[in-house]
Amino acid sequence: MKTKQALLLLLICKATWAQETFPVNGITDKRHTTYAFTHATIYTDYKTVLTDATLIIQDGIIKAVGNNVQIPAGAVISNTKGKYIYPSFIEPYGDYGVGLLKTIAAEANNENQFLTNTKGAYAWNQAIRAEVNAVNQFASDKTQAESLLKAGFGTICSFNKDGIVRGTACAVLLAPLKSQEVIIKQKAAAGLSFSKGSSSQDYPGSLMGCIALLRQTYLDAQWYAGVKSQTNLSLGAFNEQQNLPQIFDCSNWQNQLR
């Protein structure tokens, strides 16, 4: 009996030692996954090309690439015949293929514009543009794509860089193809900033005002989540974007205050 009790205590102690009591920096999923991309044309560098080659990726790390690569047991195999694989950077915050929305001018006789001129069920402030989806404006641009490719980029998360709440970005490939063929994800991330952009409204006119408007938008969106009596397309879109990666641009707020 004592032997069984000691063994049980040992197992409990072992389970306790195995637990982590600190936050993990990075991906916490410990499952080991291997992917094999077969029959592809692979560029290992700018001047070396392998045809009908295989690429092995294990736990997010490239393990092997070549023509006579042995595929590990249990690997998820993807036949990429006719496809090209390039080493490249990913630009997480760009505006490739996306033009700025047309600026809404202030009324000629309204010296101090406090309310939006945007018609429709949108936010009261023009700098809140959560309803904007870059994918709706995206158009591939061969010349711009070639320039980015030469700089080493292969994929870009493209935003409409306008407003304090900037809506969603689309993730696209920088391939010389039609727009329909290069979009990887229509809503890949949501954008925020401290710059009101093209808004013609007087408010906000300071960094503190930008912070206050952004904070108020979060509070308004929380309230709107429980409202059934009205429609606000900006707040509705803002709530839908809370599960997306949030990219904050704080590079231009100084210019906005000049």
Protein backbone atom coordinates (compact mmCIF):
# COMPACT_ATOMS: atom_id res chain seq x y z
CA MET A 1 0.00 0.00 0.00
CA LYS A 2 2.80 2.41 0.91
CA THR A 3 4.53 1.61 -2.39
CA LYS A 4 1.38 2.53 -4.33
CA GLN A 5 1.00 5.78 -2.37
CA ALA A 6 4.63 6.72 -3.02
CA LEU A 7 4.24 5.98 -6.73
CA LEU A 8 1.07 8.11 -6.90
CA LEU A 9 2.85 10.98 -5.12
CA LEU A 10 5.75 10.73 -7.56
CA LEU A 11 3.38 10.95 -10.55
CA ILE A 12 1.64 14.02 -9.07
CA CYS A 13 4.98 15.73 -8.47
CA LYS A 14 6.09 14.96 -12.04
CA ALA A 15 2.88 16.47 -13.44
CA THR A 16 3.40 19.57 -11.30
CA TRP A 17 6.98 20.00 -12.48
CA ALA A 18 5.81 19.74 -16.13
CA GLN A 19 3.51 22.77 -15.83
CA GLU A 20 4.70 26.22 -16.91
CA THR A 21 3.99 29.03 -14.47
CA PHE A 22 5.14 31.84 -16.76
CA PRO A 23 3.78 33.33 -20.01
CA VAL A 24 5.18 31.95 -23.24
CA ASN A 25 6.54 34.48 -25.72
CA GLY A 26 5.37 33.40 -29.17
CA ILE A 27 3.28 30.52 -30.46
CA THR A 28 2.21 28.20 -27.64
CA ASP A 29 0.88 25.31 -29.72
CA LYS A 30 3.41 22.53 -29.14
CA ARG A 31 2.13 20.16 -31.82
CA HIS A 32 4.85 19.31 -34.32
CA THR A 33 3.66 19.82 -37.89
CA THR A 34 5.59 19.08 -41.07
CA TYR A 35 4.63 20.36 -44.52
CA ALA A 36 6.04 19.11 -47.83
CA PHE A 37 5.61 21.23 -50.97
CA THR A 38 6.39 19.00 -53.93
CA HIS A 39 7.05 19.41 -57.68
CA ALA A 40 7.57 23.18 -57.38
CA THR A 41 9.95 25.56 -59.11
CA ILE A 42 11.97 26.91 -56.20
CA TYR A 43 14.30 29.93 -56.12
CA THR A 44 16.81 29.29 -53.35
CA ASP A 45 18.43 32.66 -54.08
CA TYR A 46 18.30 35.28 -56.83
CA LYS A 47 20.31 33.17 -59.30
CA THR A 48 19.67 29.54 -58.28
CA VAL A 49 16.52 27.85 -59.56
CA LEU A 50 15.43 24.27 -58.83
CA THR A 51 12.76 22.64 -60.99
CA ASP A 52 10.46 19.83 -59.82
CA ALA A 53 11.83 20.37 -56.32
CA THR A 54 10.52 19.73 -52.80
CA LEU A 55 10.47 22.06 -49.81
CA ILE A 56 10.14 20.66 -46.27
CA ILE A 57 8.95 22.96 -43.46
CA GLN A 58 8.82 21.62 -39.91
CA ASP A 59 7.45 23.70 -37.03
CA GLY A 60 7.73 26.82 -39.16
CA ILE A 61 11.39 26.23 -40.05
CA ILE A 62 12.73 25.20 -43.46
CA LYS A 63 14.39 21.81 -42.96
CA ALA A 64 15.22 20.78 -46.51
CA VAL A 65 14.94 21.89 -50.13
CA GLY A 66 16.05 20.07 -53.25
CA ASN A 67 15.26 17.54 -55.95
CA ASN A 68 15.91 14.36 -53.99
CA VAL A 69 14.43 15.24 -50.62
CA GLN A 70 12.91 12.47 -48.52
CA ILE A 71 9.47 13.42 -47.21
CA PRO A 72 9.10 12.69 -43.46
CA ALA A 73 6.36 10.34 -42.35
CA GLY A 74 3.16 12.12 -41.40
CA ALA A 75 3.94 15.27 -43.39
CA VAL A 76 1.11 17.28 -44.91
CA ILE A 77 1.86 17.06 -48.64
CA SER A 78 0.89 19.82 -51.08
CA ASN A 79 1.42 19.23 -54.79
CA THR A 80 2.63 22.59 -56.09
CA LYS A 81 3.33 21.59 -59.68
CA GLY A 82 3.32 24.69 -61.88
CA LYS A 83 3.83 26.96 -58.85
CA TYR A 84 6.84 29.06 -57.88
CA ILE A 85 8.36 29.42 -54.41
CA TYR A 86 10.52 32.46 -53.65
CA PRO A 87 12.33 33.58 -50.49
CA SER A 88 11.02 37.05 -49.64
CA PHE A 89 10.14 39.57 -46.96
CA ILE A 90 6.58 40.29 -45.83
CA GLU A 91 5.57 43.95 -45.55
CA PRO A 92 2.98 44.11 -42.71
CA TYR A 93 1.95 47.72 -43.32
CA GLY A 94 1.84 49.14 -46.85
CA ASP A 95 -0.59 50.69 -49.31
CA TYR A 96 0.28 48.81 -52.50
CA GLY A 97 -2.62 48.82 -54.94
CA VAL A 98 -4.84 50.85 -52.64
CA GLY A 99 -5.53 54.54 -53.24
CA LEU A 100 -6.74 56.99 -50.62
CA LEU A 101 -10.44 57.68 -50.46
CA LYS A 102 -11.55 60.94 -51.98
CA THR A 103 -11.23 63.76 -49.46
CA ILE A 104 -14.57 65.09 -48.27
CA ALA A 105 -14.28 68.87 -48.42
CA ALA A 106 -15.76 71.11 -45.76
CA GLU A 107 -18.77 73.21 -46.69
CA ALA A 108 -17.77 76.63 -48.00
CA ASN A 109 -19.88 78.53 -45.46
CA ASN A 110 -19.00 76.33 -42.51
CA GLU A 111 -15.86 77.84 -41.04
CA ASN A 112 -15.79 75.45 -38.08
CA GLN A 113 -16.82 71.99 -39.21
CA PHE A 114 -17.69 69.76 -36.27
CA LEU A 115 -20.02 67.25 -37.93
CA THR A 116 -19.23 64.90 -40.79
CA ASN A 117 -20.28 65.59 -44.37
CA THR A 118 -20.41 61.87 -45.12
CA LYS A 119 -23.92 60.81 -46.04
CA GLY A 120 -25.22 57.58 -44.60
CA ALA A 121 -25.29 55.54 -41.39
CA TYR A 122 -21.64 56.10 -40.52
CA ALA A 123 -19.69 57.50 -37.57
CA TRP A 124 -20.13 61.18 -36.73
CA ASN A 125 -16.42 61.83 -37.23
CA GLN A 126 -14.77 61.42 -40.66
CA ALA A 127 -11.56 60.12 -39.07
CA ILE A 128 -13.41 56.97 -37.95
CA ARG A 129 -13.35 54.79 -41.09
CA ALA A 130 -13.76 51.28 -39.72
CA GLU A 131 -16.15 50.43 -42.55
CA VAL A 132 -13.38 50.87 -45.15
CA ASN A 133 -12.04 47.58 -46.53
CA ALA A 134 -8.88 47.93 -48.59
CA VAL A 135 -9.81 44.89 -50.66
CA ASN A 136 -12.71 46.88 -52.17
CA GLN A 137 -10.22 49.43 -53.54
CA PHE A 138 -7.35 47.09 -54.37
CA ALA A 139 -6.03 46.84 -57.92
CA SER A 140 -2.74 45.15 -58.74
CA ASP A 141 -0.05 47.37 -60.20
CA LYS A 142 2.68 45.61 -62.20
CA THR A 143 5.15 48.51 -62.07
CA GLN A 144 4.80 49.03 -58.33
CA ALA A 145 4.92 45.27 -57.72
CA GLU A 146 8.19 44.91 -59.64
CA SER A 147 9.75 47.69 -57.56
CA LEU A 148 8.78 45.98 -54.31
CA LEU A 149 9.93 42.57 -55.59
CA LYS A 150 13.36 43.99 -56.42
CA ALA A 151 13.54 45.27 -52.84
CA GLY A 152 13.00 41.70 -51.61
CA PHE A 153 9.29 41.70 -50.75
CA GLY A 154 6.88 39.00 -51.88
CA THR A 155 3.76 39.65 -49.81
CA ILE A 156 2.21 42.83 -48.46
CA CYS A 157 -0.58 43.74 -46.07
CA SER A 158 -2.13 46.71 -47.84
CA PHE A 159 -4.11 49.43 -46.01
CA ASN A 160 -5.91 52.60 -46.95
CA LYS A 161 -3.71 54.82 -44.75
CA ASP A 162 -6.31 57.42 -43.88
CA GLY A 163 -7.96 58.26 -40.58
CA ILE A 164 -7.65 57.34 -36.93
CA VAL A 165 -9.57 54.10 -37.44
CA ARG A 166 -8.52 52.86 -40.89
CA GLY A 167 -10.61 49.75 -41.47
CA THR A 168 -9.17 46.49 -42.74
CA ALA A 169 -6.15 45.61 -44.86
CA CYS A 170 -5.95 42.88 -47.49
CA ALA A 171 -2.97 40.52 -47.74
CA VAL A 172 -1.78 40.19 -51.34
CA LEU A 173 1.04 38.64 -53.34
CA LEU A 174 3.32 40.90 -55.36
CA ALA A 175 2.96 38.74 -58.46
CA PRO A 176 2.43 40.16 -61.99
CA LEU A 177 -1.09 38.75 -62.09
CA LYS A 178 -4.65 40.03 -62.10
CA SER A 179 -6.09 41.43 -58.88
CA GLN A 180 -8.34 38.40 -58.50
CA GLU A 181 -5.33 36.06 -58.48
CA VAL A 182 -3.09 37.73 -55.88
CA ILE A 183 -5.43 38.33 -52.91
CA ILE A 184 -4.50 35.94 -50.10
CA LYS A 185 -6.88 37.22 -47.43
CA GLN A 186 -9.55 39.87 -47.84
CA LYS A 187 -9.49 41.09 -44.23
CA ALA A 188 -6.05 40.39 -42.82
CA ALA A 189 -5.66 43.11 -40.17
CA ALA A 190 -7.23 46.28 -38.77
CA GLY A 191 -5.50 49.68 -38.75
CA LEU A 192 -5.34 52.45 -36.15
CA SER A 193 -3.39 55.70 -35.90
CA PHE A 194 -3.15 59.12 -34.22
CA SER A 195 -3.58 60.97 -37.53
CA LYS A 196 -7.04 62.12 -38.66
CA GLY A 197 -5.82 62.10 -42.27
CA SER A 198 -8.03 63.67 -44.92
CA SER A 199 -10.86 64.50 -42.53
CA SER A 200 -11.98 68.11 -42.97
CA GLN A 201 -13.47 68.32 -39.48
CA ASP A 202 -11.83 70.57 -36.91
CA TYR A 203 -11.88 67.85 -34.27
CA PRO A 204 -9.54 66.34 -33.34
CA GLY A 205 -6.94 69.08 -33.60
CA SER A 206 -4.36 67.76 -31.15
CA LEU A 207 -2.70 64.52 -30.10
CA MET A 208 -4.80 64.48 -26.94
CA GLY A 209 -7.92 64.88 -29.09
CA CYS A 210 -6.88 61.93 -31.29
CA ILE A 211 -6.36 59.76 -28.21
CA ALA A 212 -9.72 60.88 -26.78
CA LEU A 213 -11.56 60.14 -30.03
CA LEU A 214 -10.02 56.68 -30.30
CA ARG A 215 -10.89 55.92 -26.68
CA GLN A 216 -14.44 57.16 -27.20
CA THR A 217 -14.78 54.96 -30.27
CA TYR A 218 -13.98 51.88 -28.18
CA LEU A 219 -16.59 52.93 -25.61
CA ASP A 220 -19.19 53.73 -28.28
CA ALA A 221 -18.56 50.36 -29.97
CA GLN A 222 -19.07 48.52 -26.68
CA TRP A 223 -22.37 50.35 -26.21
CA TYR A 224 -23.42 49.74 -29.81
CA ALA A 225 -22.89 45.99 -29.44
CA GLY A 226 -26.04 45.86 -27.30
CA VAL A 227 -28.16 48.29 -29.34
CA LYS A 228 -30.91 47.03 -31.67
CA SER A 229 -32.75 50.29 -32.38
CA GLN A 230 -30.28 51.85 -34.84
CA THR A 231 -27.54 51.07 -37.33
CA ASN A 232 -24.04 52.47 -37.33
CA LEU A 233 -21.92 50.91 -40.07
CA SER A 234 -18.67 52.31 -38.66
CA LEU A 235 -19.18 50.98 -35.12
CA GLY A 236 -20.52 47.67 -36.42
CA ALA A 237 -17.40 47.18 -38.55
CA PHE A 238 -15.19 48.28 -35.65
CA ASN A 239 -16.67 45.56 -33.43
CA GLU A 240 -16.19 42.92 -36.12
CA GLN A 241 -12.51 43.81 -36.40
CA GLN A 242 -11.60 43.25 -32.75
CA ASN A 243 -10.53 39.66 -33.47
CA LEU A 244 -8.15 40.75 -36.24
CA PRO A 245 -4.48 41.66 -35.70
CA GLN A 246 -4.33 45.38 -34.82
CA ILE A 247 -1.64 47.45 -36.54
CA PHE A 248 -1.06 50.90 -35.03
CA ASP A 249 0.63 53.61 -37.11
CA CYS A 250 2.10 56.37 -34.95
CA SER A 251 4.50 57.73 -37.58
CA ASN A 252 2.54 60.73 -38.86
CA TRP A 253 0.77 62.20 -35.86
CA GLN A 254 3.33 65.02 -35.63
CA ASN A 255 2.51 66.12 -39.20
CA GLN A 256 -1.20 66.03 -38.42
CA LEU A 257 -0.74 68.58 -35.64
CA ARG A 258 1.18 71.14 -37.72
